Amino acid sequence: KMLSQYKNFLMRAARYYGVDGRAIAGVIRWEFEQNYPSRNSDRLFYEQIQLTDSILFEDTGVGWGKMHFRTARKNLNTEENLTDVELADTLANAPSAIDMIAREMRRAVKAYEPLM
């Protein structure tokens, strides 16, 4: 239900990056429904970043899909020089997080294409 309001955006990101939209939705849904400890810490991590203007642990994440900050930074274009707060906001915002997840999935697919 939570993804239904973003279905059109999710499908556009899927087409743009050449990734199955069901896979993108599956990542987000699994994190939301199955990864309870991480979901419960989401607000705490997000509020800490907003208060201190910094990310304490690069191997944690916030928002839709819970992408780790270190992974998110790898997926930014070179001209996207986001502060820690801006990166947390990007991952907490559904449309930008969906785009970031699709971008990471495409990067992973490209890395494994030679093996196929």
Protein backbone atom coordinates (compact mmCIF):
# COMPACT_ATOMS: atom_id res chain seq x y z
CA LYS A 1 0.00 0.00 0.00
CA MET A 2 2.77 2.45 0.86
CA LEU A 3 4.32 2.07 -2.59
CA SER A 4 1.07 2.43 -4.53
CA GLN A 5 1.21 6.23 -4.35
CA TYR A 6 4.71 6.15 -5.89
CA LYS A 7 4.02 3.45 -8.50
CA ASN A 8 4.32 5.76 -11.51
CA PHE A 9 7.58 7.23 -10.27
CA LEU A 10 8.91 3.77 -9.43
CA MET A 11 8.08 2.51 -12.93
CA ARG A 12 9.74 5.55 -14.57
CA ALA A 13 12.90 4.93 -12.54
CA ALA A 14 12.78 1.25 -13.48
CA ARG A 15 12.54 2.07 -17.20
CA TYR A 16 15.23 4.74 -17.00
CA TYR A 17 17.76 2.48 -15.25
CA GLY A 18 16.68 -0.72 -16.98
CA VAL A 19 15.79 -2.49 -13.73
CA ASP A 20 12.62 -4.47 -13.05
CA GLY A 21 10.26 -2.27 -11.01
CA ARG A 22 9.17 -5.29 -8.99
CA ALA A 23 12.75 -5.71 -7.81
CA ILE A 24 12.93 -2.09 -6.67
CA ALA A 25 9.60 -2.42 -4.87
CA GLY A 26 10.78 -5.70 -3.34
CA VAL A 27 13.85 -4.08 -1.80
CA ILE A 28 11.79 -1.29 -0.26
CA ARG A 29 9.04 -3.61 0.91
CA TRP A 30 11.46 -6.09 2.51
CA GLU A 31 13.21 -3.32 4.43
CA PHE A 32 9.87 -1.94 5.62
CA GLU A 33 8.16 -5.22 6.52
CA GLN A 34 11.02 -7.51 7.54
CA ASN A 35 13.91 -5.43 8.84
CA TYR A 36 12.25 -4.30 12.08
CA PRO A 37 15.41 -3.37 14.04
CA SER A 38 16.59 -1.14 11.24
CA ARG A 39 13.18 0.42 10.69
CA ASN A 40 12.85 1.14 14.40
CA SER A 41 16.19 2.96 14.44
CA ASP A 42 15.32 5.01 11.36
CA ARG A 43 13.84 7.99 13.21
CA LEU A 44 16.69 7.98 15.75
CA PHE A 45 19.40 8.08 13.05
CA TYR A 46 17.54 10.70 11.02
CA GLU A 47 17.01 12.97 14.03
CA GLN A 48 20.67 12.57 15.09
CA ILE A 49 21.80 13.71 11.62
CA GLN A 50 19.42 16.68 11.67
CA LEU A 51 20.67 17.75 15.13
CA THR A 52 24.41 17.28 14.58
CA ASP A 53 24.65 17.96 10.82
CA SER A 54 26.70 14.79 10.45
CA ILE A 55 26.42 11.07 9.83
CA LEU A 56 28.13 9.13 12.62
CA PHE A 57 28.12 5.71 10.95
CA GLU A 58 28.53 5.45 7.15
CA ASP A 59 27.35 1.82 7.22
CA THR A 60 23.88 2.77 8.43
CA GLY A 61 21.04 4.19 6.42
CA VAL A 62 17.71 5.95 6.75
CA GLY A 63 14.54 6.16 4.75
CA TRP A 64 13.05 4.14 1.94
CA GLY A 65 15.06 0.99 1.30
CA LYS A 66 17.54 1.83 4.08
CA MET A 67 20.42 2.31 1.66
CA HIS A 68 23.65 2.74 3.60
CA PHE A 69 25.18 6.19 3.38
CA ARG A 70 28.46 4.82 2.00
CA THR A 71 26.57 3.13 -0.86
CA ALA A 72 24.46 6.22 -1.51
CA ARG A 73 27.59 8.37 -1.83
CA LYS A 74 28.99 5.97 -4.47
CA ASN A 75 25.84 6.51 -6.52
CA LEU A 76 25.95 10.29 -6.52
CA ASN A 77 27.07 12.04 -9.66
CA THR A 78 30.31 13.95 -9.26
CA GLU A 79 28.42 17.25 -9.37
CA GLU A 80 26.13 16.10 -6.54
CA ASN A 81 28.13 17.22 -3.51
CA LEU A 82 25.53 16.72 -0.77
CA THR A 83 26.01 17.51 2.89
CA ASP A 84 25.21 14.75 5.39
CA VAL A 85 21.84 16.36 6.12
CA GLU A 86 21.02 16.65 2.40
CA LEU A 87 21.96 13.00 1.83
CA ALA A 88 19.74 11.88 4.73
CA ASP A 89 16.90 14.00 3.32
CA THR A 90 17.42 12.44 -0.12
CA LEU A 91 17.10 8.94 1.31
CA ALA A 92 14.10 9.88 3.47
CA ASN A 93 12.23 11.33 0.48
CA ALA A 94 10.45 8.53 -1.42
CA PRO A 95 11.01 9.73 -5.03
CA SER A 96 14.71 10.49 -4.58
CA ALA A 97 15.26 7.29 -2.56
CA ILE A 98 13.54 5.21 -5.24
CA ASP A 99 15.81 6.79 -7.85
CA MET A 100 18.89 6.09 -5.71
CA ILE A 101 17.86 2.44 -5.17
CA ALA A 102 17.24 1.94 -8.91
CA ARG A 103 20.60 3.57 -9.68
CA GLU A 104 22.40 1.22 -7.25
CA MET A 105 20.61 -1.82 -8.67
CA ARG A 106 21.70 -0.82 -12.19
CA ARG A 107 25.30 -0.38 -10.97
CA ALA A 108 25.19 -3.87 -9.44
CA VAL A 109 23.74 -5.39 -12.62
CA LYS A 110 26.49 -3.75 -14.71
CA ALA A 111 29.14 -5.17 -12.35
CA TYR A 112 27.84 -8.72 -12.87
CA GLU A 113 27.10 -8.54 -16.63
CA PRO A 114 30.55 -9.92 -17.59
CA LEU A 115 29.78 -13.05 -15.58
CA MET A 116 26.56 -13.79 -17.48
